[in-house]
Amino acid sequence: IKELFINDYEEVFKIHLPSKDERRMFFEDLVVNQAAKPPASKNNAARQPLEVLPVAPPPKPRQLTEEEIRQLEEQEEDTLRELRIFLRDVTHRLAVDRRFRVFTKPVDPEEVPDYDAVIKQPMDLSAVLSKIDLHQYLTAGDFLKDIDLICSNALEYNPDKDPGDRLIRHRACTLRDTAYAIVREELDEDFEQRCEEIQESRKKRGMCCSSSKYAPSYYHVMPKQNSVPGCKKTDPKCNEKMKMSAAPVDSSTPRSNGKLHFIQTFLEKVLKSMIP
């Protein structure tokens, strides 16, 4: 290694061993002045009160394209279509049950004139079917709420006074238990959860949950007016004939005297025609 360095080119230096004083002078600044002093504290910045910053808003969800929205709505409608088929089947099974016939049609105000004064939100199985057809149920839970309403209306309007009222109250509670048992037994929990997610998604997208663009058009039609040939509307005798010729309509709650009032109506014929 020594041969690599040439004395003529001043590449070799001869150094004598340093004395004790020379060593002290060399290391004094490093050991005494620098190493012996405590380092500057790094926690001074941490001791200072930090500025309270507002919580950052969550990032906005990505806006879907029109094609993505169309595909999403079609997927949702496929799921809700299965729900409507199931709810129609449940309602049909309740309607054809003789025990629940009294709840299949709305109350006739002429037969029960004080019903509207007592019950503020009437409900019956025919109204439930209409709401299914109009796509107004997004979950089975919404359907069961109207079943609860039928039961609570019957309990409220028919006090526990006589056997007829007790029978109505008993059948209303049986209707509710039967509907809940069918839904809990036959409806998959994962399917109901998907329906709830669709409902929540539509709320976030600003869609109205009480209507659907897939609902059938012209569902609501004007009721047919009874007419008697050869009569005029201004003729009082004609009006009397029209009242006599009109088909009676049964009520979803019996008369105020508590007796069951079963009359064959057009709605019953429709429900019976649905029986396979």
Foldseek 3Di string as FASTA:
>chain_A
DVVVADVVVVRDDDDDDDDPVVVCVVCVCVVVVPVVDDDDDPCPVVPDDDDDDDDDDDDDDDDDDPVVVVVVVVVLVVLLVVVLVVVVVLLLVQCPPPLQVLQADAADCVQAVCLCVQDVDDAGSVVLNVQSLQQQDLAVVVSLVRLVVLLVSLPRLQDPDDPLSVSSNVSSVVSSVSSVVCCVVPPDPVSRVVSVVVVVVCVVVVHDSRGDPPRDPPPDDDDDQFADPPDDPVDPVRVVVSVVPDDDDRHSHHYSVSHDDDDDDPSNVVSVVPPD
